[in-house]
Amino acid sequence: MKILPKSVEKVIESFQKLPGIGPKTANRLTFYLLHVPQIQLDQFGDAVKSLKTNTVFCSQCLNIGETDPCVVCLDTDRDASLVCVVEQPIDIVSLEKTGKYKGLYHVLHGAINPLNNIGPDEIHIVELIDRLRSGKIKEVILATNPNMEGEATAMYIKREISNLKSHPPVGGPNLENISVTRLAHGLPVGGDIEYADEVTLSNAVEGRREF
């Protein structure tokens, strides 16, 4: 015999599809929503509905925003010779909170993970290499997470950049001076940038090393 209404079960099932949400948390969130005023519930529903319809991916850095290009790429005060490579858009939010980084970004939307059938072609590495062909970028900061997948991704990107420097486009700009650095100092192995505090990230940006 089913005790819960179908509408409640559907919400619980929807919450359980989210990463990190188990059955108990899904139940707790659903029953919390049952007790909030209807106007708040409507606002919550409208916010979820507009999450994708009111956002776009930046054609330059692949960050999410309300405009294309995004606000970071449109900011003329930022150093366009610096590009920080991150796994997810949420990593940009964390790095921006430090106030230490004033360059541009490139979002991979993932990391190389053979166990989950995610190879280099499944993330946006090709777009990064294409950006480097312009010759405007002088430093690439690899800010992938300091775990096995992040390190594998960083090594792959480093190799691709080395290949590009060795075989630059015919008649194109000199790419030999592109440096590749890696965030350092304070980021724990196995941790995620998203969860690092501002002081740790500030030290990591300022103490980046040649990679």
Protein backbone atom coordinates (compact mmCIF):
# COMPACT_ATOMS: atom_id res chain seq x y z
CA MET A 1 0.00 0.00 0.00
CA LYS A 2 1.37 3.39 -1.01
CA ILE A 3 1.27 5.92 1.81
CA LEU A 4 2.70 8.97 0.07
CA PRO A 5 0.85 10.88 -2.66
CA LYS A 6 2.30 10.53 -6.16
CA SER A 7 3.17 14.23 -6.26
CA VAL A 8 5.31 13.84 -3.14
CA GLU A 9 6.97 10.69 -4.45
CA LYS A 10 7.86 12.44 -7.72
CA VAL A 11 9.59 15.28 -5.88
CA ILE A 12 11.52 12.82 -3.69
CA GLU A 13 12.60 10.87 -6.78
CA SER A 14 13.68 14.11 -8.47
CA PHE A 15 15.83 15.15 -5.51
CA GLN A 16 17.46 11.70 -5.40
CA LYS A 17 18.68 12.17 -8.96
CA LEU A 18 20.84 15.09 -7.81
CA PRO A 19 24.49 14.34 -6.91
CA GLY A 20 25.09 13.85 -3.21
CA ILE A 21 21.39 13.57 -2.34
CA GLY A 22 20.40 10.27 -0.73
CA PRO A 23 16.92 9.00 0.19
CA LYS A 24 16.90 10.58 3.66
CA THR A 25 17.96 14.00 2.41
CA ALA A 26 15.48 13.80 -0.46
CA ASN A 27 12.68 13.05 1.98
CA ARG A 28 13.71 15.87 4.31
CA LEU A 29 13.88 18.44 1.50
CA THR A 30 10.52 17.37 0.08
CA PHE A 31 8.71 17.60 3.40
CA TYR A 32 10.38 20.95 4.07
CA LEU A 33 8.90 22.26 0.81
CA LEU A 34 5.47 21.03 1.89
CA HIS A 35 5.60 23.43 4.84
CA VAL A 36 6.76 26.60 3.08
CA PRO A 37 4.19 29.18 1.91
CA GLN A 38 2.87 28.61 -1.61
CA ILE A 39 4.40 31.87 -2.86
CA GLN A 40 7.88 30.68 -1.86
CA LEU A 41 7.24 27.34 -3.53
CA ASP A 42 6.15 29.11 -6.71
CA GLN A 43 9.29 31.26 -6.64
CA PHE A 44 11.43 28.15 -6.17
CA GLY A 45 9.72 26.43 -9.10
CA ASP A 46 10.10 29.48 -11.33
CA ALA A 47 13.81 29.72 -10.45
CA VAL A 48 14.36 26.09 -11.44
CA LYS A 49 12.37 26.52 -14.66
CA SER A 50 14.45 29.54 -15.72
CA LEU A 51 17.78 27.95 -14.78
CA LYS A 52 18.54 26.86 -18.34
CA THR A 53 16.26 29.12 -20.35
CA ASN A 54 17.87 32.28 -18.94
CA THR A 55 21.49 31.13 -19.15
CA VAL A 56 23.89 30.55 -22.05
CA PHE A 57 27.38 29.15 -22.48
CA CYS A 58 30.00 31.74 -23.34
CA SER A 59 31.37 31.03 -26.82
CA GLN A 60 34.83 32.18 -25.72
CA CYS A 61 35.46 30.56 -22.33
CA LEU A 62 32.47 28.17 -22.02
CA ASN A 63 31.46 29.68 -18.68
CA ILE A 64 27.75 30.07 -17.94
CA GLY A 65 26.20 33.53 -18.02
CA GLU A 66 23.28 35.64 -19.10
CA THR A 67 25.13 37.00 -22.13
CA ASP A 68 27.53 35.75 -24.78
CA PRO A 69 30.35 36.65 -24.29
CA CYS A 70 30.07 36.39 -20.51
CA VAL A 71 30.78 39.26 -18.10
CA VAL A 72 34.35 38.05 -17.48
CA CYS A 73 35.27 37.91 -21.17
CA LEU A 74 33.67 41.34 -21.73
CA ASP A 75 35.69 42.95 -18.91
CA THR A 76 38.39 45.00 -20.65
CA ASP A 77 40.24 45.50 -17.36
CA ARG A 78 41.17 41.83 -17.17
CA ASP A 79 44.53 40.50 -18.40
CA ALA A 80 43.73 38.74 -21.69
CA SER A 81 47.19 37.15 -21.78
CA LEU A 82 46.30 34.95 -18.79
CA VAL A 83 43.92 32.00 -19.03
CA CYS A 84 43.00 29.88 -16.02
CA VAL A 85 41.72 26.41 -16.93
CA VAL A 86 39.07 25.01 -14.56
CA GLU A 87 36.88 21.92 -14.57
CA GLN A 88 33.52 23.53 -13.81
CA PRO A 89 31.91 27.01 -13.78
CA ILE A 90 31.55 26.80 -9.98
CA ASP A 91 35.37 26.87 -9.77
CA ILE A 92 35.34 30.35 -11.31
CA VAL A 93 33.04 31.55 -8.54
CA SER A 94 35.50 30.23 -5.94
CA LEU A 95 38.55 31.79 -7.63
CA GLU A 96 36.84 35.15 -8.12
CA LYS A 97 36.11 35.36 -4.38
CA THR A 98 39.86 35.49 -3.71
CA GLY A 99 40.23 38.76 -5.61
CA LYS A 100 43.73 37.63 -6.60
CA TYR A 101 43.16 36.55 -10.17
CA LYS A 102 42.54 39.13 -12.91
CA GLY A 103 42.88 37.09 -16.08
CA LEU A 104 40.41 35.11 -18.21
CA TYR A 105 39.12 31.56 -17.83
CA HIS A 106 38.49 28.40 -19.81
CA VAL A 107 35.95 25.85 -18.53
CA LEU A 108 36.49 22.21 -19.48
CA HIS A 109 33.16 20.98 -18.09
CA GLY A 110 34.75 17.87 -16.68
CA ALA A 111 38.01 15.98 -16.33
CA ILE A 112 39.55 12.98 -18.04
CA ASN A 113 38.18 9.88 -16.32
CA PRO A 114 38.60 6.60 -18.23
CA LEU A 115 36.61 4.66 -15.60
CA ASN A 116 33.56 6.75 -16.49
CA ASN A 117 34.34 6.73 -20.22
CA ILE A 118 35.31 10.41 -20.22
CA GLY A 119 38.20 11.01 -22.56
CA PRO A 120 39.84 14.20 -23.88
CA ASP A 121 37.22 14.49 -26.62
CA GLU A 122 34.40 14.63 -24.07
CA ILE A 123 35.69 17.83 -22.44
CA HIS A 124 36.61 21.16 -24.02
CA ILE A 125 40.35 20.82 -24.54
CA VAL A 126 40.24 21.38 -28.31
CA GLU A 127 38.61 24.78 -27.76
CA LEU A 128 41.42 25.74 -25.39
CA ILE A 129 44.12 24.82 -27.93
CA ASP A 130 42.24 26.82 -30.57
CA ARG A 131 42.31 29.88 -28.29
CA LEU A 132 46.07 29.54 -27.91
CA ARG A 133 46.61 29.68 -31.68
CA SER A 134 45.88 33.41 -31.64
CA GLY A 135 49.19 34.08 -29.90
CA LYS A 136 47.54 36.48 -27.43
CA ILE A 137 47.77 34.12 -24.46
CA LYS A 138 51.12 34.07 -22.67
CA GLU A 139 50.33 31.92 -19.62
CA VAL A 140 47.96 28.99 -19.08
CA ILE A 141 47.20 28.29 -15.43
CA LEU A 142 46.02 24.72 -14.91
CA ALA A 143 43.51 24.86 -12.06
CA THR A 144 42.06 21.37 -12.40
CA ASN A 145 41.36 19.66 -9.10
CA PRO A 146 44.35 18.06 -7.30
CA ASN A 147 43.05 14.50 -7.62
CA MET A 148 43.81 11.65 -10.01
CA GLU A 149 41.43 12.87 -12.71
CA GLY A 150 42.52 16.50 -12.40
CA GLU A 151 46.20 15.59 -12.59
CA ALA A 152 45.64 13.39 -15.64
CA THR A 153 43.77 16.23 -17.33
CA ALA A 154 46.51 18.72 -16.50
CA MET A 155 49.19 16.40 -17.89
CA TYR A 156 47.23 15.87 -21.10
CA ILE A 157 46.72 19.62 -21.61
CA LYS A 158 50.41 20.26 -20.91
CA ARG A 159 51.33 17.72 -23.61
CA GLU A 160 48.90 19.24 -26.11
CA ILE A 161 50.33 22.71 -25.51
CA SER A 162 53.87 21.38 -25.94
CA ASN A 163 52.83 19.83 -29.26
CA LEU A 164 51.30 23.13 -30.34
CA LYS A 165 54.48 25.02 -29.47
CA SER A 166 56.55 22.49 -31.42
CA HIS A 167 54.24 22.64 -34.44
CA PRO A 168 52.74 26.15 -34.60
CA PRO A 169 50.30 27.11 -37.37
CA VAL A 170 52.07 27.93 -40.65
CA GLY A 171 52.35 31.70 -40.95
CA GLY A 172 50.84 32.14 -37.48
CA PRO A 173 52.22 33.91 -34.40
CA ASN A 174 55.15 32.62 -32.34
CA LEU A 175 53.79 30.35 -29.60
CA GLU A 176 57.08 29.34 -27.98
CA ASN A 177 56.69 31.80 -25.11
CA ILE A 178 53.45 30.29 -23.76
CA SER A 179 54.11 29.18 -20.19
CA VAL A 180 52.10 26.52 -18.37
CA THR A 181 51.71 26.79 -14.61
CA ARG A 182 49.85 24.78 -11.97
CA LEU A 183 48.12 25.98 -8.83
CA ALA A 184 50.23 25.22 -5.78
CA HIS A 185 50.64 25.77 -2.01
CA GLY A 186 47.80 24.74 0.17
CA LEU A 187 45.48 22.75 -2.09
CA PRO A 188 45.18 19.28 -0.52
CA VAL A 189 45.63 16.24 -2.72
CA GLY A 190 42.23 14.75 -3.45
CA GLY A 191 40.40 18.00 -2.69
CA ASP A 192 38.19 20.09 -4.95
CA ILE A 193 38.69 23.78 -5.74
CA GLU A 194 34.99 24.34 -5.15
CA TYR A 195 35.40 23.54 -1.44
CA ALA A 196 38.70 25.32 -0.80
CA ASP A 197 38.58 28.46 1.35
CA GLU A 198 39.53 31.89 -0.02
CA VAL A 199 42.89 32.07 1.79
CA THR A 200 43.97 28.67 0.48
CA LEU A 201 42.95 29.58 -3.07
CA SER A 202 44.68 32.97 -2.84
CA ASN A 203 47.94 31.25 -1.86
CA ALA A 204 47.46 28.72 -4.65
CA VAL A 205 47.03 31.45 -7.28
CA GLU A 206 49.96 33.54 -6.04
CA GLY A 207 52.22 30.51 -5.57
CA ARG A 208 51.53 28.78 -8.88
CA ARG A 209 54.53 27.00 -10.33
CA GLU A 210 55.86 26.11 -13.75
CA PHE A 211 54.27 22.88 -14.89
